[in-house]
Amino acid sequence: MENPHDQQHKALLNRIAANVGKLNTTVKELNTRVEAMNKKNKDIAALAHTWSAYNASVNIHLESTKHFPEPL
């Protein structure tokens, strides 16, 4: 006669293994989607960096020439 605790233990381990498998699949899918988003956002990040450099250059020029336009 089998121990009922062993049956419960085996059933729980099987459920845990199945859930870990599902979790692994979901995390892989999430990683794939995040990688795709990162590739799409690369251009935006480059544009933001370029704009920041331009803004800093303009501020340096304005401070050196003491020519500040009137606010709108």
Protein backbone atom coordinates (compact mmCIF):
# COMPACT_ATOMS: atom_id res chain seq x y z
CA MET A 1 0.00 0.00 0.00
CA GLU A 2 1.37 3.39 -1.02
CA ASN A 3 1.74 6.20 1.43
CA PRO A 4 -0.90 8.91 0.70
CA HIS A 5 1.64 11.58 1.62
CA ASP A 6 3.93 10.31 -1.13
CA GLN A 7 1.07 10.61 -3.62
CA GLN A 8 0.38 14.18 -2.51
CA HIS A 9 4.07 14.96 -2.64
CA LYS A 10 4.39 13.60 -6.19
CA ALA A 11 1.29 15.48 -7.31
CA LEU A 12 2.62 18.74 -5.85
CA LEU A 13 6.01 18.24 -7.48
CA ASN A 14 4.34 17.59 -10.83
CA ARG A 15 2.27 20.77 -10.48
CA ILE A 16 5.36 22.76 -9.51
CA ALA A 17 7.32 21.39 -12.47
CA ALA A 18 4.48 22.20 -14.88
CA ASN A 19 4.12 25.74 -13.50
CA VAL A 20 7.87 26.35 -13.70
CA GLY A 21 7.77 25.21 -17.33
CA LYS A 22 4.95 27.65 -18.10
CA LEU A 23 6.79 30.41 -16.25
CA ASN A 24 9.95 29.74 -18.23
CA THR A 25 8.04 29.94 -21.51
CA THR A 26 6.38 33.19 -20.45
CA VAL A 27 9.69 34.76 -19.37
CA LYS A 28 11.28 33.81 -22.69
CA GLU A 29 8.40 35.48 -24.55
CA LEU A 30 8.71 38.56 -22.34
CA ASN A 31 12.45 38.77 -23.02
CA THR A 32 11.83 38.53 -26.75
CA ARG A 33 9.31 41.38 -26.62
CA VAL A 34 11.57 43.55 -24.44
CA GLU A 35 14.45 43.03 -26.89
CA ALA A 36 12.20 44.10 -29.76
CA MET A 37 11.14 47.23 -27.84
CA ASN A 38 14.75 48.07 -27.04
CA LYS A 39 15.65 47.85 -30.73
CA LYS A 40 12.79 50.19 -31.62
CA ASN A 41 13.73 52.64 -28.85
CA LYS A 42 17.37 52.80 -29.92
CA ASP A 43 16.61 55.51 -32.51
CA ILE A 44 14.69 57.55 -29.94
CA ALA A 45 17.58 57.31 -27.48
CA ALA A 46 20.04 58.49 -30.15
CA LEU A 47 17.78 61.43 -31.02
CA ALA A 48 17.44 62.38 -27.34
CA HIS A 49 21.23 62.27 -26.92
CA THR A 50 21.74 64.44 -30.03
CA TRP A 51 19.11 66.92 -28.84
CA SER A 52 20.73 67.16 -25.39
CA ALA A 53 24.12 67.86 -26.96
CA TYR A 54 22.57 70.51 -29.22
CA ASN A 55 20.80 72.12 -26.27
CA ALA A 56 24.02 72.26 -24.26
CA SER A 57 25.85 73.80 -27.22
CA VAL A 58 23.17 76.46 -27.67
CA ASN A 59 23.26 77.31 -23.96
CA ILE A 60 27.05 77.69 -24.05
CA HIS A 61 26.77 79.94 -27.10
CA LEU A 62 24.04 82.07 -25.52
CA GLU A 63 26.01 82.49 -22.31
CA SER A 64 29.21 83.40 -24.14
CA THR A 65 27.49 85.97 -26.37
CA LYS A 66 25.19 87.27 -23.62
CA HIS A 67 22.43 87.26 -26.22
CA PHE A 68 19.29 85.85 -24.65
CA PRO A 69 16.11 86.11 -26.70
CA GLU A 70 12.95 87.40 -25.10
CA PRO A 71 10.72 84.67 -23.70
CA LEU A 72 7.62 83.89 -25.72
